[in-house]
PDB file of all heavy atoms in Angstrom:
ATOM      1  N   ARG A   1      -1.062 -78.730 -62.732  1.00  0.00           N
ATOM      2  CA  ARG A   1      -1.506 -79.612 -63.819  1.00  0.00           C
ATOM      3  C   ARG A   1      -0.860 -79.226 -65.144  1.00  0.00           C
ATOM      4  O   ARG A   1      -0.411 -80.085 -65.899  1.00  0.00           O
ATOM      5  CB  ARG A   1      -3.035 -79.554 -63.936  1.00  0.00           C
ATOM      6  CG  ARG A   1      -3.714 -80.872 -63.837  1.00  0.00           C
ATOM      7  CD  ARG A   1      -5.219 -80.866 -63.984  1.00  0.00           C
ATOM      8  NE  ARG A   1      -5.929 -79.610 -64.130  1.00  0.00           N
ATOM      9  CZ  ARG A   1      -6.489 -78.930 -63.120  1.00  0.00           C
ATOM     10  NH1 ARG A   1      -6.409 -79.380 -61.890  1.00  0.00           N
ATOM     11  NH2 ARG A   1      -7.128 -77.807 -63.348  1.00  0.00           N
ATOM     12  N   ILE A   2      -0.819 -77.927 -65.425  1.00  0.00           N
ATOM     13  CA  ILE A   2      -0.219 -77.451 -66.682  1.00  0.00           C
ATOM     14  C   ILE A   2       1.269 -77.804 -66.719  1.00  0.00           C
ATOM     15  O   ILE A   2       1.770 -78.338 -67.710  1.00  0.00           O
ATOM     16  CB  ILE A   2      -0.428 -75.929 -66.872  1.00  0.00           C
ATOM     17  CG1 ILE A   2      -1.911 -75.635 -67.140  1.00  0.00           C
ATOM     18  CG2 ILE A   2       0.443 -75.395 -68.011  1.00  0.00           C
ATOM     19  CD1 ILE A   2      -2.268 -74.150 -67.094  1.00  0.00           C
ATOM     20  N   ILE A   3       1.975 -77.508 -65.641  1.00  0.00           N
ATOM     21  CA  ILE A   3       3.408 -77.820 -65.603  1.00  0.00           C
ATOM     22  C   ILE A   3       3.620 -79.319 -65.731  1.00  0.00           C
ATOM     23  O   ILE A   3       4.470 -79.775 -66.501  1.00  0.00           O
ATOM     24  CB  ILE A   3       4.066 -77.281 -64.310  1.00  0.00           C
ATOM     25  CG1 ILE A   3       4.046 -75.744 -64.305  1.00  0.00           C
ATOM     26  CG2 ILE A   3       5.499 -77.798 -64.188  1.00  0.00           C
ATOM     27  CD1 ILE A   3       4.487 -75.123 -62.992  1.00  0.00           C
ATOM     28  N   ALA A   4       2.850 -80.105 -64.991  1.00  0.00           N
ATOM     29  CA  ALA A   4       3.019 -81.568 -65.010  1.00  0.00           C
ATOM     30  C   ALA A   4       2.756 -82.156 -66.388  1.00  0.00           C
ATOM     31  O   ALA A   4       3.455 -83.068 -66.816  1.00  0.00           O
ATOM     32  CB  ALA A   4       2.102 -82.220 -63.972  1.00  0.00           C
ATOM     33  N   SER A   5       1.770 -81.620 -67.091  1.00  0.00           N
ATOM     34  CA  SER A   5       1.418 -82.225 -68.376  1.00  0.00           C
ATOM     35  C   SER A   5       2.169 -81.633 -69.564  1.00  0.00           C
ATOM     36  O   SER A   5       2.504 -82.351 -70.502  1.00  0.00           O
ATOM     37  CB  SER A   5      -0.092 -82.123 -68.618  1.00  0.00           C
ATOM     38  OG  SER A   5      -0.473 -80.768 -68.732  1.00  0.00           O
ATOM     39  N   LYS A   6       2.473 -80.339 -69.523  1.00  0.00           N
ATOM     40  CA  LYS A   6       3.056 -79.687 -70.700  1.00  0.00           C
ATOM     41  C   LYS A   6       4.414 -79.036 -70.453  1.00  0.00           C
ATOM     42  O   LYS A   6       5.035 -78.556 -71.389  1.00  0.00           O
ATOM     43  CB  LYS A   6       2.101 -78.604 -71.208  1.00  0.00           C
ATOM     44  CG  LYS A   6       0.737 -79.122 -71.623  1.00  0.00           C
ATOM     45  CD  LYS A   6      -0.143 -77.959 -72.042  1.00  0.00           C
ATOM     46  CE  LYS A   6      -1.562 -78.400 -72.325  1.00  0.00           C
ATOM     47  NZ  LYS A   6      -2.430 -77.268 -72.619  1.00  0.00           N
ATOM     48  N   GLY A   7       4.822 -78.961 -69.205  1.00  0.00           N
ATOM     49  CA  GLY A   7       6.097 -78.331 -68.886  1.00  0.00           C
ATOM     50  C   GLY A   7       5.954 -76.876 -68.504  1.00  0.00           C
ATOM     51  O   GLY A   7       4.944 -76.225 -68.806  1.00  0.00           O
ATOM     52  N   LEU A   8       6.973 -76.367 -67.840  1.00  0.00           N
ATOM     53  CA  LEU A   8       6.980 -74.991 -67.349  1.00  0.00           C
ATOM     54  C   LEU A   8       6.787 -73.980 -68.464  1.00  0.00           C
ATOM     55  O   LEU A   8       6.097 -72.979 -68.299  1.00  0.00           O
ATOM     56  CB  LEU A   8       8.291 -74.713 -66.602  1.00  0.00           C
ATOM     57  CG  LEU A   8       8.476 -73.322 -66.026  1.00  0.00           C
ATOM     58  CD1 LEU A   8       7.393 -73.013 -64.993  1.00  0.00           C
ATOM     59  CD2 LEU A   8       9.858 -73.185 -65.403  1.00  0.00           C
ATOM     60  N   ILE A   9       7.362 -74.249 -69.613  1.00  0.00           N
ATOM     61  CA  ILE A   9       7.285 -73.310 -70.732  1.00  0.00           C
ATOM     62  C   ILE A   9       5.842 -73.048 -71.166  1.00  0.00           C
ATOM     63  O   ILE A   9       5.527 -72.001 -71.717  1.00  0.00           O
ATOM     64  CB  ILE A   9       8.157 -73.773 -71.920  1.00  0.00           C
ATOM     65  CG1 ILE A   9       8.341 -72.642 -72.896  1.00  0.00           C
ATOM     66  CG2 ILE A   9       7.572 -74.975 -72.597  1.00  0.00           C
ATOM     67  CD1 ILE A   9       9.751 -72.524 -73.393  1.00  0.00           C
ATOM     68  N   SER A  10       4.952 -73.978 -70.884  1.00  0.00           N
ATOM     69  CA  SER A  10       3.552 -73.843 -71.289  1.00  0.00           C
ATOM     70  C   SER A  10       2.704 -73.092 -70.273  1.00  0.00           C
ATOM     71  O   SER A  10       1.543 -72.805 -70.537  1.00  0.00           O
ATOM     72  CB  SER A  10       2.936 -75.225 -71.506  1.00  0.00           C
ATOM     73  OG  SER A  10       3.606 -75.879 -72.559  1.00  0.00           O
ATOM     74  N   LEU A  11       3.267 -72.804 -69.116  1.00  0.00           N
ATOM     75  CA  LEU A  11       2.494 -72.126 -68.073  1.00  0.00           C
ATOM     76  C   LEU A  11       2.334 -70.641 -68.400  1.00  0.00           C
ATOM     77  O   LEU A  11       3.317 -69.929 -68.563  1.00  0.00           O
ATOM     78  CB  LEU A  11       3.183 -72.288 -66.715  1.00  0.00           C
ATOM     79  CG  LEU A  11       2.421 -71.707 -65.526  1.00  0.00           C
ATOM     80  CD1 LEU A  11       1.112 -72.474 -65.297  1.00  0.00           C
ATOM     81  CD2 LEU A  11       3.282 -71.742 -64.270  1.00  0.00           C
ATOM     82  N   LYS A  12       1.091 -70.209 -68.495  1.00  0.00           N
ATOM     83  CA  LYS A  12       0.746 -68.802 -68.746  1.00  0.00           C
ATOM     84  C   LYS A  12      -0.279 -68.374 -67.708  1.00  0.00           C
ATOM     85  O   LYS A  12      -1.241 -69.103 -67.431  1.00  0.00           O
ATOM     86  CB  LYS A  12       0.133 -68.623 -70.145  1.00  0.00           C
ATOM     87  CG  LYS A  12       0.964 -69.230 -71.279  1.00  0.00           C
ATOM     88  CD  LYS A  12       2.174 -68.397 -71.592  1.00  0.00           C
ATOM     89  CE  LYS A  12       2.928 -68.926 -72.782  1.00  0.00           C
ATOM     90  NZ  LYS A  12       4.104 -69.687 -72.488  1.00  0.00           N
ATOM     91  N   VAL A  13      -0.090 -67.206 -67.150  1.00  0.00           N
ATOM     92  CA  VAL A  13      -1.027 -66.697 -66.140  1.00  0.00           C
ATOM     93  C   VAL A  13      -2.437 -66.647 -66.706  1.00  0.00           C
ATOM     94  O   VAL A  13      -3.403 -66.998 -66.025  1.00  0.00           O
ATOM     95  CB  VAL A  13      -0.579 -65.307 -65.622  1.00  0.00           C
ATOM     96  CG1 VAL A  13      -1.623 -64.706 -64.693  1.00  0.00           C
ATOM     97  CG2 VAL A  13       0.759 -65.405 -64.919  1.00  0.00           C
ATOM     98  N   ARG A  14      -2.561 -66.262 -67.940  1.00  0.00           N
ATOM     99  CA  ARG A  14      -3.875 -66.170 -68.592  1.00  0.00           C
ATOM    100  C   ARG A  14      -4.592 -67.525 -68.558  1.00  0.00           C
ATOM    101  O   ARG A  14      -5.769 -67.609 -68.235  1.00  0.00           O
ATOM    102  CB  ARG A  14      -3.697 -65.678 -70.029  1.00  0.00           C
ATOM    103  CG  ARG A  14      -4.954 -65.632 -70.868  1.00  0.00           C
ATOM    104  CD  ARG A  14      -4.671 -65.239 -72.333  1.00  0.00           C
ATOM    105  NE  ARG A  14      -3.969 -66.311 -73.046  1.00  0.00           N
ATOM    106  CZ  ARG A  14      -2.682 -66.318 -73.378  1.00  0.00           C
ATOM    107  NH1 ARG A  14      -1.909 -65.309 -73.090  1.00  0.00           N
ATOM    108  NH2 ARG A  14      -2.142 -67.336 -74.013  1.00  0.00           N
ATOM    109  N   ASP A  15      -3.863 -68.604 -68.855  1.00  0.00           N
ATOM    110  CA  ASP A  15      -4.458 -69.940 -68.852  1.00  0.00           C
ATOM    111  C   ASP A  15      -4.863 -70.373 -67.448  1.00  0.00           C
ATOM    112  O   ASP A  15      -5.896 -71.012 -67.263  1.00  0.00           O
ATOM    113  CB  ASP A  15      -3.482 -70.962 -69.444  1.00  0.00           C
ATOM    114  CG  ASP A  15      -3.176 -70.693 -70.912  1.00  0.00           C
ATOM    115  OD1 ASP A  15      -3.982 -70.008 -71.588  1.00  0.00           O
ATOM    116  OD2 ASP A  15      -2.120 -71.166 -71.380  1.00  0.00           O
ATOM    117  N   VAL A  16      -4.048 -70.024 -66.463  1.00  0.00           N
ATOM    118  CA  VAL A  16      -4.373 -70.360 -65.073  1.00  0.00           C
ATOM    119  C   VAL A  16      -5.641 -69.639 -64.647  1.00  0.00           C
ATOM    120  O   VAL A  16      -6.565 -70.241 -64.086  1.00  0.00           O
ATOM    121  CB  VAL A  16      -3.203 -70.019 -64.121  1.00  0.00           C
ATOM    122  CG1 VAL A  16      -3.617 -70.152 -62.664  1.00  0.00           C
ATOM    123  CG2 VAL A  16      -1.994 -70.889 -64.429  1.00  0.00           C
ATOM    124  N   ALA A  17      -5.708 -68.339 -64.946  1.00  0.00           N
ATOM    125  CA  ALA A  17      -6.883 -67.554 -64.575  1.00  0.00           C
ATOM    126  C   ALA A  17      -8.139 -68.076 -65.266  1.00  0.00           C
ATOM    127  O   ALA A  17      -9.189 -68.236 -64.638  1.00  0.00           O
ATOM    128  CB  ALA A  17      -6.660 -66.077 -64.920  1.00  0.00           C
ATOM    129  N   GLU A  18      -8.018 -68.377 -66.539  1.00  0.00           N
ATOM    130  CA  GLU A  18      -9.165 -68.886 -67.300  1.00  0.00           C
ATOM    131  C   GLU A  18      -9.653 -70.222 -66.732  1.00  0.00           C
ATOM    132  O   GLU A  18     -10.847 -70.414 -66.510  1.00  0.00           O
ATOM    133  CB  GLU A  18      -8.770 -69.049 -68.764  1.00  0.00           C
ATOM    134  CG  GLU A  18      -9.919 -69.337 -69.701  1.00  0.00           C
ATOM    135  CD  GLU A  18      -9.436 -69.387 -71.146  1.00  0.00           C
ATOM    136  OE1 GLU A  18      -9.014 -68.321 -71.654  1.00  0.00           O
ATOM    137  OE2 GLU A  18      -9.473 -70.493 -71.727  1.00  0.00           O
ATOM    138  N   ALA A  19      -8.744 -71.137 -66.471  1.00  0.00           N
ATOM    139  CA  ALA A  19      -9.121 -72.455 -65.950  1.00  0.00           C
ATOM    140  C   ALA A  19      -9.685 -72.360 -64.532  1.00  0.00           C
ATOM    141  O   ALA A  19     -10.573 -73.123 -64.164  1.00  0.00           O
ATOM    142  CB  ALA A  19      -7.926 -73.397 -65.971  1.00  0.00           C
ATOM    143  N   ALA A  20      -9.181 -71.422 -63.754  1.00  0.00           N
ATOM    144  CA  ALA A  20      -9.659 -71.240 -62.384  1.00  0.00           C
ATOM    145  C   ALA A  20     -10.880 -70.318 -62.319  1.00  0.00           C
ATOM    146  O   ALA A  20     -11.382 -70.032 -61.238  1.00  0.00           O
ATOM    147  CB  ALA A  20      -8.536 -70.686 -61.518  1.00  0.00           C
ATOM    148  N   GLU A  21     -11.306 -69.847 -63.483  1.00  0.00           N
ATOM    149  CA  GLU A  21     -12.454 -68.949 -63.594  1.00  0.00           C
ATOM    150  C   GLU A  21     -12.311 -67.725 -62.703  1.00  0.00           C
ATOM    151  O   GLU A  21     -13.182 -67.388 -61.906  1.00  0.00           O
ATOM    152  CB  GLU A  21     -13.757 -69.710 -63.279  1.00  0.00           C
ATOM    153  CG  GLU A  21     -14.008 -70.850 -64.248  1.00  0.00           C
ATOM    154  CD  GLU A  21     -15.267 -71.642 -63.913  1.00  0.00           C
ATOM    155  OE1 GLU A  21     -15.889 -71.406 -62.861  1.00  0.00           O
ATOM    156  OE2 GLU A  21     -15.611 -72.513 -64.735  1.00  0.00           O
ATOM    157  N   CYS A  22     -11.166 -67.080 -62.859  1.00  0.00           N
ATOM    158  CA  CYS A  22     -10.907 -65.841 -62.122  1.00  0.00           C
ATOM    159  C   CYS A  22     -10.153 -64.887 -63.049  1.00  0.00           C
ATOM    160  O   CYS A  22      -9.809 -65.242 -64.175  1.00  0.00           O
ATOM    161  CB  CYS A  22     -10.107 -66.119 -60.852  1.00  0.00           C
ATOM    162  SG  CYS A  22      -8.428 -66.714 -61.117  1.00  0.00           S
ATOM    163  N   SER A  23      -9.889 -63.714 -62.563  1.00  0.00           N
ATOM    164  CA  SER A  23      -9.160 -62.740 -63.375  1.00  0.00           C
ATOM    165  C   SER A  23      -7.653 -62.952 -63.228  1.00  0.00           C
ATOM    166  O   SER A  23      -7.185 -63.575 -62.271  1.00  0.00           O
ATOM    167  CB  SER A  23      -9.510 -61.315 -62.923  1.00  0.00           C
ATOM    168  OG  SER A  23      -8.981 -61.082 -61.627  1.00  0.00           O
ATOM    169  N   ILE A  24      -6.917 -62.419 -64.186  1.00  0.00           N
ATOM    170  CA  ILE A  24      -5.458 -62.468 -64.108  1.00  0.00           C
ATOM    171  C   ILE A  24      -4.999 -61.748 -62.844  1.00  0.00           C
ATOM    172  O   ILE A  24      -4.089 -62.205 -62.154  1.00  0.00           O
ATOM    173  CB  ILE A  24      -4.824 -61.844 -65.384  1.00  0.00           C
ATOM    174  CG1 ILE A  24      -5.085 -62.761 -66.577  1.00  0.00           C
ATOM    175  CG2 ILE A  24      -3.334 -61.605 -65.193  1.00  0.00           C
ATOM    176  CD1 ILE A  24      -4.650 -62.196 -67.914  1.00  0.00           C
ATOM    177  N   GLY A  25      -5.656 -60.668 -62.515  1.00  0.00           N
ATOM    178  CA  GLY A  25      -5.331 -59.922 -61.293  1.00  0.00           C
ATOM    179  C   GLY A  25      -5.464 -60.775 -60.041  1.00  0.00           C
ATOM    180  O   GLY A  25      -4.688 -60.623 -59.096  1.00  0.00           O
ATOM    181  N   SER A  26      -6.441 -61.669 -60.042  1.00  0.00           N
ATOM    182  CA  SER A  26      -6.618 -62.558 -58.875  1.00  0.00           C
ATOM    183  C   SER A  26      -5.413 -63.474 -58.688  1.00  0.00           C
ATOM    184  O   SER A  26      -5.001 -63.764 -57.570  1.00  0.00           O
ATOM    185  CB  SER A  26      -7.878 -63.408 -59.038  1.00  0.00           C
ATOM    186  OG  SER A  26      -9.022 -62.592 -59.028  1.00  0.00           O
ATOM    187  N   VAL A  27      -4.847 -63.934 -59.803  1.00  0.00           N
ATOM    188  CA  VAL A  27      -3.660 -64.785 -59.718  1.00  0.00           C
ATOM    189  C   VAL A  27      -2.511 -63.979 -59.096  1.00  0.00           C
ATOM    190  O   VAL A  27      -1.824 -64.458 -58.190  1.00  0.00           O
ATOM    191  CB  VAL A  27      -3.251 -65.338 -61.107  1.00  0.00           C
ATOM    192  CG1 VAL A  27      -1.958 -66.143 -61.023  1.00  0.00           C
ATOM    193  CG2 VAL A  27      -4.379 -66.169 -61.706  1.00  0.00           C
ATOM    194  N   TYR A  28      -2.333 -62.750 -59.569  1.00  0.00           N
ATOM    195  CA  TYR A  28      -1.256 -61.912 -59.027  1.00  0.00           C
ATOM    196  C   TYR A  28      -1.519 -61.541 -57.572  1.00  0.00           C
ATOM    197  O   TYR A  28      -0.590 -61.476 -56.764  1.00  0.00           O
ATOM    198  CB  TYR A  28      -1.051 -60.666 -59.889  1.00  0.00           C
ATOM    199  CG  TYR A  28      -0.390 -60.980 -61.209  1.00  0.00           C
ATOM    200  CD1 TYR A  28      -1.068 -60.852 -62.414  1.00  0.00           C
ATOM    201  CD2 TYR A  28       0.928 -61.434 -61.254  1.00  0.00           C
ATOM    202  CE1 TYR A  28      -0.463 -61.160 -63.623  1.00  0.00           C
ATOM    203  CE2 TYR A  28       1.541 -61.738 -62.462  1.00  0.00           C
ATOM    204  CZ  TYR A  28       0.844 -61.599 -63.629  1.00  0.00           C
ATOM    205  OH  TYR A  28       1.451 -61.914 -64.817  1.00  0.00           O
ATOM    206  N   ASN A  29      -2.777 -61.304 -57.222  1.00  0.00           N
ATOM    207  CA  ASN A  29      -3.104 -60.997 -55.824  1.00  0.00           C
ATOM    208  C   ASN A  29      -2.771 -62.171 -54.912  1.00  0.00           C
ATOM    209  O   ASN A  29      -2.303 -61.989 -53.787  1.00  0.00           O
ATOM    210  CB  ASN A  29      -4.588 -60.634 -55.661  1.00  0.00           C
ATOM    211  CG  ASN A  29      -4.898 -59.252 -56.177  1.00  0.00           C
ATOM    212  OD1 ASN A  29      -4.015 -58.396 -56.264  1.00  0.00           O
ATOM    213  ND2 ASN A  29      -6.142 -59.026 -56.528  1.00  0.00           N
ATOM    214  N   GLU A  30      -3.008 -63.370 -55.389  1.00  0.00           N
ATOM    215  CA  GLU A  30      -2.771 -64.575 -54.591  1.00  0.00           C
ATOM    216  C   GLU A  30      -1.287 -64.912 -54.468  1.00  0.00           C
ATOM    217  O   GLU A  30      -0.824 -65.329 -53.408  1.00  0.00           O
ATOM    218  CB  GLU A  30      -3.524 -65.760 -55.213  1.00  0.00           C
ATOM    219  CG  GLU A  30      -3.403 -67.054 -54.466  1.00  0.00           C
ATOM    220  CD  GLU A  30      -4.121 -67.061 -53.118  1.00  0.00           C
ATOM    221  OE1 GLU A  30      -5.086 -66.297 -52.939  1.00  0.00           O
ATOM    222  OE2 GLU A  30      -3.698 -67.834 -52.244  1.00  0.00           O
TER     223      GLU A  30
END
């Protein structure tokens, strides 16, 4: 969703983790 709406440059792991209600570590684990 972030890439589609704002572009790759706007993608931040922190934002993904926050929106998915998980930790940054969970994103890296996945």
